[in-house]
Amino acid sequence: METVNATVITEFFLKGFSIYPRLESLLFVLCLVMYLITLVGNGIIIAISILDSHLHTPMYFFLSNLSFLDVCYTSTFIPLMLVNFLSKRKTISFIGCAVQMCLSLATGSTECILLAMMAYDRYVAICHPLRYPIIMNKRVCLGMAAFSWSLSFLKSIMETVIAMQMPFCGHNVVSHFTCEILAILKLICVDTSLNEIIMLVGSIILLPIPVMLIFISYIFILSTILRMNSTEGRHKAISTCSAHLTVVIIFYGTIIFMYMKPKSKEAQISDELFTVLYAVVTPMLNPIIYSLRNKEVKEAVKKVLKKSYLSM
């Protein structure tokens, strides 16, 4: 029977962009700016969704959930990544790596489900407007959000525990700038078939099924919009859906590339670049995309700023 070197790993070295030292200062500035925009933009969406009573609707309830997710997701790794850009010792403790992996998996997974629920919300609002307040009542919205968070955290805890209890045989150099699960699995020195099966099942739950639900929802939405007699109503329906559809394309496009492409033992620079796109740029763009063509958001921001100014 083959023996396994049981060397205990206490920390991981995050290789990241360390082979491009001249780029790290530039990446530090870019990622810091994008992170601050993410915090401010999503913070504004959350604030106006709470403060403006006109936005106490299912659409903005899910949108504020999405913004909160984006803040949580980026905060799981960007602060440490920024420190590592300026540090010679780019390390993270074993426990810290496990926590980072679990939280990033959980928040990312929740967003997959939440985007499908937002598509369903738009389907009900456009295809069944008279029944919308009854179908999408407060209790249903809370239940849908709780389901997405609970399922994602259970899945992420299971994947993290199974991955981190495997033997690494002294391998602790992660070819990534974060404790991303695929990068960690490459360090394991035994058969990872169980991990791959669990991740495949999770990928089916979080990729094809939500994408199929989103696709079906938009088929019905498009069919309803084409039958509308009112040009104004048609324009309003398209406007409320276009932002969500743009976010879905960006989010799922990058995540499908990352997790469905052929795996290789050697790290590819494209892996890291696409992770930056998926993990840093997308959360920054979400509040911008949702506010550009949304008059309600613009009016709510103006109203909140006006109240704040008058109260000073």
Protein backbone atom coordinates (compact mmCIF):
# COMPACT_ATOMS: atom_id res chain seq x y z
CA MET A 1 0.00 0.00 0.00
CA GLU A 2 1.36 3.45 -0.94
CA THR A 3 2.26 5.59 2.06
CA VAL A 4 1.49 9.29 2.16
CA ASN A 5 3.82 11.89 3.65
CA ALA A 6 1.78 13.36 6.51
CA THR A 7 3.67 16.67 6.76
CA VAL A 8 1.50 19.14 8.66
CA ILE A 9 0.76 22.36 6.76
CA THR A 10 0.40 25.44 8.99
CA GLU A 11 0.34 28.11 6.28
CA PHE A 12 0.13 28.58 2.53
CA PHE A 13 2.21 30.82 0.26
CA LEU A 14 -0.02 32.67 -2.20
CA LYS A 15 2.00 32.91 -5.39
CA GLY A 16 -0.45 35.16 -7.21
CA PHE A 17 1.27 37.73 -9.40
CA SER A 18 4.61 37.48 -7.55
CA ILE A 19 6.37 36.44 -10.77
CA TYR A 20 5.40 39.88 -12.16
CA PRO A 21 6.78 42.20 -9.43
CA ARG A 22 6.55 45.31 -11.63
CA LEU A 23 2.83 44.75 -12.06
CA GLU A 24 2.03 44.37 -8.37
CA SER A 25 2.14 48.10 -7.58
CA LEU A 26 -0.15 48.82 -10.52
CA LEU A 27 -2.47 45.97 -9.53
CA PHE A 28 -2.53 47.27 -5.96
CA VAL A 29 -3.78 50.69 -7.09
CA LEU A 30 -6.32 49.26 -9.56
CA CYS A 31 -7.73 46.67 -7.14
CA LEU A 32 -7.88 49.20 -4.28
CA VAL A 33 -9.81 51.67 -6.43
CA MET A 34 -12.19 48.95 -7.68
CA TYR A 35 -12.71 47.64 -4.12
CA LEU A 36 -13.57 51.14 -2.83
CA ILE A 37 -15.99 51.66 -5.73
CA THR A 38 -17.54 48.27 -4.91
CA LEU A 39 -18.02 49.21 -1.25
CA VAL A 40 -19.43 52.66 -2.01
CA GLY A 41 -21.65 51.61 -4.93
CA ASN A 42 -23.14 48.56 -3.26
CA GLY A 43 -23.40 50.43 0.05
CA ILE A 44 -25.52 53.10 -1.66
CA ILE A 45 -27.82 50.42 -3.15
CA ILE A 46 -28.29 48.82 0.29
CA ALA A 47 -28.85 52.19 1.99
CA ILE A 48 -31.48 53.51 -0.43
CA SER A 49 -33.28 50.13 -0.44
CA ILE A 50 -33.69 50.52 3.33
CA LEU A 51 -34.25 54.29 3.61
CA ASP A 52 -36.62 54.86 0.67
CA SER A 53 -40.05 53.34 1.32
CA HIS A 54 -40.81 53.38 -2.43
CA LEU A 55 -38.08 50.76 -2.88
CA HIS A 56 -39.53 48.33 -0.34
CA THR A 57 -40.42 45.90 -3.12
CA PRO A 58 -39.25 42.34 -3.93
CA MET A 59 -37.04 43.61 -6.78
CA TYR A 60 -35.05 45.91 -4.50
CA PHE A 61 -35.06 43.40 -1.66
CA PHE A 62 -33.21 40.95 -3.91
CA LEU A 63 -31.04 43.74 -5.33
CA SER A 64 -29.94 44.78 -1.83
CA ASN A 65 -29.20 41.11 -1.10
CA LEU A 66 -27.05 41.01 -4.23
CA SER A 67 -25.20 44.16 -3.17
CA PHE A 68 -24.61 42.74 0.32
CA LEU A 69 -23.28 39.54 -1.26
CA ASP A 70 -20.89 41.51 -3.47
CA VAL A 71 -19.53 43.40 -0.45
CA CYS A 72 -19.10 40.17 1.54
CA TYR A 73 -17.54 38.26 -1.36
CA THR A 74 -14.94 40.88 -2.23
CA SER A 75 -14.12 41.43 1.46
CA THR A 76 -13.20 37.75 1.90
CA PHE A 77 -10.02 38.13 -0.15
CA ILE A 78 -9.31 41.64 -1.49
CA PRO A 79 -7.95 43.15 1.79
CA LEU A 80 -5.42 40.30 2.16
CA MET A 81 -4.62 40.43 -1.56
CA LEU A 82 -3.84 44.15 -1.28
CA VAL A 83 -1.53 43.51 1.67
CA ASN A 84 0.23 40.73 -0.24
CA PHE A 85 0.80 43.00 -3.25
CA LEU A 86 3.01 45.17 -1.03
CA SER A 87 4.48 42.39 1.10
CA LYS A 88 7.40 40.07 0.43
CA ARG A 89 5.87 37.36 2.63
CA LYS A 90 2.64 36.46 0.86
CA THR A 91 1.24 33.90 3.30
CA ILE A 92 -2.06 32.90 4.88
CA SER A 93 -2.58 30.52 7.81
CA PHE A 94 -4.16 27.10 7.25
CA ILE A 95 -7.29 28.10 9.21
CA GLY A 96 -7.40 31.48 7.48
CA CYS A 97 -7.22 29.75 4.11
CA ALA A 98 -10.08 27.40 5.03
CA VAL A 99 -12.26 30.30 6.25
CA GLN A 100 -11.49 32.35 3.14
CA MET A 101 -12.30 29.40 0.87
CA CYS A 102 -15.57 28.64 2.65
CA LEU A 103 -16.82 32.24 2.71
CA SER A 104 -15.90 32.99 -0.90
CA LEU A 105 -17.52 29.74 -2.06
CA ALA A 106 -20.64 30.44 0.00
CA THR A 107 -21.15 34.02 -1.17
CA GLY A 108 -20.35 33.15 -4.78
CA SER A 109 -22.75 30.19 -4.69
CA THR A 110 -25.49 32.29 -3.11
CA GLU A 111 -25.19 34.79 -5.95
CA CYS A 112 -25.75 32.00 -8.50
CA ILE A 113 -29.07 31.07 -6.87
CA LEU A 114 -30.06 34.68 -6.15
CA LEU A 115 -29.71 35.69 -9.82
CA ALA A 116 -32.15 32.90 -10.74
CA MET A 117 -34.58 34.10 -8.06
CA MET A 118 -34.32 37.65 -9.41
CA ALA A 119 -35.21 36.33 -12.87
CA TYR A 120 -38.26 34.60 -11.38
CA ASP A 121 -39.22 37.87 -9.64
CA ARG A 122 -39.09 39.70 -13.00
CA TYR A 123 -41.12 36.89 -14.62
CA VAL A 124 -43.92 37.21 -12.05
CA ALA A 125 -43.84 41.04 -12.18
CA ILE A 126 -44.14 41.19 -15.99
CA CYS A 127 -46.16 38.08 -16.82
CA HIS A 128 -48.53 38.14 -13.80
CA PRO A 129 -48.61 41.79 -12.66
CA LEU A 130 -52.02 41.56 -10.91
CA ARG A 131 -50.94 38.55 -8.83
CA TYR A 132 -47.42 39.87 -8.23
CA PRO A 133 -48.03 41.31 -4.70
CA ILE A 134 -49.68 38.04 -3.62
CA ILE A 135 -47.11 35.65 -5.12
CA MET A 136 -44.03 37.67 -4.15
CA ASN A 137 -45.10 38.65 -0.65
CA LYS A 138 -42.63 39.46 2.13
CA ARG A 139 -42.68 35.95 3.60
CA VAL A 140 -41.94 34.34 0.22
CA CYS A 141 -39.06 36.75 -0.49
CA LEU A 142 -37.49 36.13 2.92
CA GLY A 143 -37.87 32.37 2.43
CA MET A 144 -36.25 32.47 -1.01
CA ALA A 145 -33.30 34.52 0.30
CA ALA A 146 -32.87 32.26 3.35
CA PHE A 147 -32.95 29.17 1.12
CA SER A 148 -30.22 30.52 -1.17
CA TRP A 149 -27.95 31.48 1.75
CA SER A 150 -28.52 28.21 3.68
CA LEU A 151 -28.02 25.86 0.72
CA SER A 152 -24.87 27.69 -0.39
CA PHE A 153 -23.30 27.69 3.07
CA LEU A 154 -24.02 23.99 3.62
CA LYS A 155 -22.51 23.13 0.23
CA SER A 156 -19.47 25.34 0.82
CA ILE A 157 -18.77 23.99 4.32
CA MET A 158 -18.89 20.43 3.01
CA GLU A 159 -16.56 21.17 0.07
CA THR A 160 -14.11 23.08 2.29
CA VAL A 161 -13.96 20.45 5.05
CA ILE A 162 -13.38 17.61 2.57
CA ALA A 163 -10.70 19.56 0.68
CA MET A 164 -8.78 20.82 3.72
CA GLN A 165 -8.60 17.46 5.49
CA MET A 166 -6.79 15.85 2.54
CA PRO A 167 -2.98 15.38 2.76
CA PHE A 168 -0.85 18.03 1.05
CA CYS A 169 2.51 16.24 1.58
CA GLY A 170 4.28 19.51 2.34
CA HIS A 171 3.01 21.31 -0.78
CA ASN A 172 1.97 24.79 0.33
CA VAL A 173 2.60 27.07 -2.67
CA VAL A 174 -0.79 28.10 -4.06
CA SER A 175 -0.65 29.24 -7.70
CA HIS A 176 -3.25 31.89 -7.07
CA PHE A 177 -3.73 35.13 -5.14
CA THR A 178 -6.49 33.64 -2.99
CA CYS A 179 -7.36 30.25 -1.46
CA GLU A 180 -9.43 29.28 -4.48
CA ILE A 181 -10.59 25.66 -4.20
CA LEU A 182 -9.29 24.52 -7.61
CA ALA A 183 -5.83 25.92 -6.80
CA ILE A 184 -5.85 24.16 -3.41
CA LEU A 185 -6.93 20.84 -4.93
CA LYS A 186 -3.82 20.90 -7.17
CA LEU A 187 -1.65 20.67 -4.02
CA ILE A 188 -3.28 17.48 -2.72
CA CYS A 189 -1.01 14.44 -3.19
CA VAL A 190 -3.68 11.71 -3.18
CA ASP A 191 -6.65 10.87 -5.39
CA THR A 192 -9.15 13.77 -5.42
CA SER A 193 -12.00 11.92 -7.16
CA LEU A 194 -14.37 12.47 -4.21
CA ASN A 195 -13.69 16.22 -4.25
CA GLU A 196 -14.25 16.36 -8.00
CA ILE A 197 -17.55 14.44 -7.76
CA ILE A 198 -18.83 16.75 -5.00
CA MET A 199 -17.78 19.82 -6.97
CA LEU A 200 -19.43 18.43 -10.12
CA VAL A 201 -22.72 17.93 -8.25
CA GLY A 202 -22.39 21.44 -6.82
CA SER A 203 -21.65 22.86 -10.26
CA ILE A 204 -24.78 21.21 -11.68
CA ILE A 205 -26.88 22.71 -8.86
CA LEU A 206 -25.37 26.18 -9.23
CA LEU A 207 -24.75 26.46 -12.98
CA PRO A 208 -27.03 24.54 -15.39
CA ILE A 209 -30.14 24.57 -13.16
CA PRO A 210 -30.15 28.34 -12.36
CA VAL A 211 -29.17 29.18 -15.95
CA MET A 212 -32.05 27.02 -17.23
CA LEU A 213 -34.50 28.75 -14.84
CA ILE A 214 -33.24 32.16 -15.95
CA PHE A 215 -33.53 31.14 -19.63
CA ILE A 216 -37.10 29.85 -19.20
CA SER A 217 -38.11 32.97 -17.24
CA TYR A 218 -36.83 35.24 -20.00
CA ILE A 219 -38.59 33.24 -22.72
CA PHE A 220 -41.92 33.93 -20.97
CA ILE A 221 -40.89 37.55 -20.28
CA LEU A 222 -39.98 38.15 -23.93
CA SER A 223 -43.21 36.55 -25.10
CA THR A 224 -45.23 38.82 -22.78
CA ILE A 225 -43.30 41.97 -23.81
CA LEU A 226 -43.90 41.28 -27.51
CA ARG A 227 -47.66 41.05 -26.85
CA MET A 228 -47.78 44.40 -25.02
CA ASN A 229 -49.72 47.15 -26.82
CA SER A 230 -48.23 50.00 -24.78
CA THR A 231 -44.83 51.23 -25.98
CA GLU A 232 -44.18 52.80 -22.58
CA GLY A 233 -45.00 49.54 -20.78
CA ARG A 234 -42.78 47.59 -23.16
CA HIS A 235 -39.89 50.03 -22.63
CA LYS A 236 -40.29 49.88 -18.83
CA ALA A 237 -40.30 46.07 -18.84
CA ILE A 238 -37.17 45.92 -21.01
CA SER A 239 -35.46 48.51 -18.82
CA THR A 240 -36.05 46.55 -15.58
CA CYS A 241 -34.81 43.32 -17.18
CA SER A 242 -31.81 44.60 -19.14
CA ALA A 243 -29.72 45.34 -16.05
CA HIS A 244 -30.34 41.89 -14.57
CA LEU A 245 -29.64 40.18 -17.88
CA THR A 246 -26.34 42.09 -18.28
CA VAL A 247 -25.21 41.04 -14.79
CA VAL A 248 -26.21 37.42 -15.49
CA ILE A 249 -24.19 37.31 -18.75
CA ILE A 250 -21.07 38.78 -17.13
CA PHE A 251 -21.33 36.66 -13.97
CA TYR A 252 -22.12 33.29 -15.55
CA GLY A 253 -19.89 33.88 -18.57
CA THR A 254 -16.77 34.24 -16.43
CA ILE A 255 -17.68 31.54 -13.90
CA ILE A 256 -18.46 28.97 -16.63
CA PHE A 257 -15.08 29.67 -18.24
CA MET A 258 -13.28 29.25 -14.91
CA TYR A 259 -14.93 26.06 -13.70
CA MET A 260 -15.87 24.25 -16.89
CA LYS A 261 -12.65 24.61 -18.88
CA PRO A 262 -10.14 21.70 -18.99
CA LYS A 263 -8.05 21.46 -15.82
CA SER A 264 -4.25 21.51 -15.85
CA LYS A 265 -1.68 20.98 -13.12
CA GLU A 266 0.30 24.03 -14.20
CA ALA A 267 -1.15 27.41 -13.33
CA GLN A 268 -2.19 29.60 -16.25
CA ILE A 269 -1.98 33.38 -16.09
CA SER A 270 -5.44 33.45 -17.71
CA ASP A 271 -6.83 31.73 -14.59
CA GLU A 272 -5.72 34.63 -12.43
CA LEU A 273 -6.81 37.31 -14.91
CA PHE A 274 -10.29 35.81 -15.26
CA THR A 275 -10.54 35.48 -11.48
CA VAL A 276 -9.83 39.22 -11.23
CA LEU A 277 -12.61 39.83 -13.78
CA TYR A 278 -15.04 37.54 -11.98
CA ALA A 279 -14.14 38.46 -8.41
CA VAL A 280 -13.19 42.15 -8.53
CA VAL A 281 -14.67 43.78 -11.63
CA THR A 282 -18.14 42.19 -11.61
CA PRO A 283 -19.11 43.27 -8.04
CA MET A 284 -17.93 46.79 -8.94
CA LEU A 285 -20.05 46.87 -12.11
CA ASN A 286 -23.26 45.53 -10.56
CA PRO A 287 -24.42 48.76 -8.82
CA ILE A 288 -23.35 50.80 -11.86
CA ILE A 289 -25.31 48.57 -14.25
CA TYR A 290 -28.42 48.62 -12.03
CA SER A 291 -28.38 52.40 -11.59
CA LEU A 292 -27.53 53.58 -15.13
CA ARG A 293 -30.97 52.93 -16.64
CA ASN A 294 -33.00 52.88 -13.42
CA LYS A 295 -34.83 56.13 -12.72
CA GLU A 296 -36.10 54.85 -9.36
CA VAL A 297 -32.55 54.31 -8.08
CA LYS A 298 -31.43 57.74 -9.32
CA GLU A 299 -34.42 59.46 -7.72
CA ALA A 300 -33.92 57.55 -4.45
CA VAL A 301 -30.25 58.61 -4.31
CA LYS A 302 -31.19 62.25 -4.92
CA LYS A 303 -33.89 62.06 -2.24
CA VAL A 304 -31.58 60.51 0.38
CA LEU A 305 -28.81 63.03 -0.39
CA LYS A 306 -31.31 65.91 -0.16
CA LYS A 307 -32.57 64.69 3.23
CA SER A 308 -29.01 64.30 4.47
CA TYR A 309 -28.13 67.82 3.30
CA LEU A 310 -31.22 69.40 4.92
CA SER A 311 -30.62 67.59 8.22
CA MET A 312 -27.08 69.00 8.49
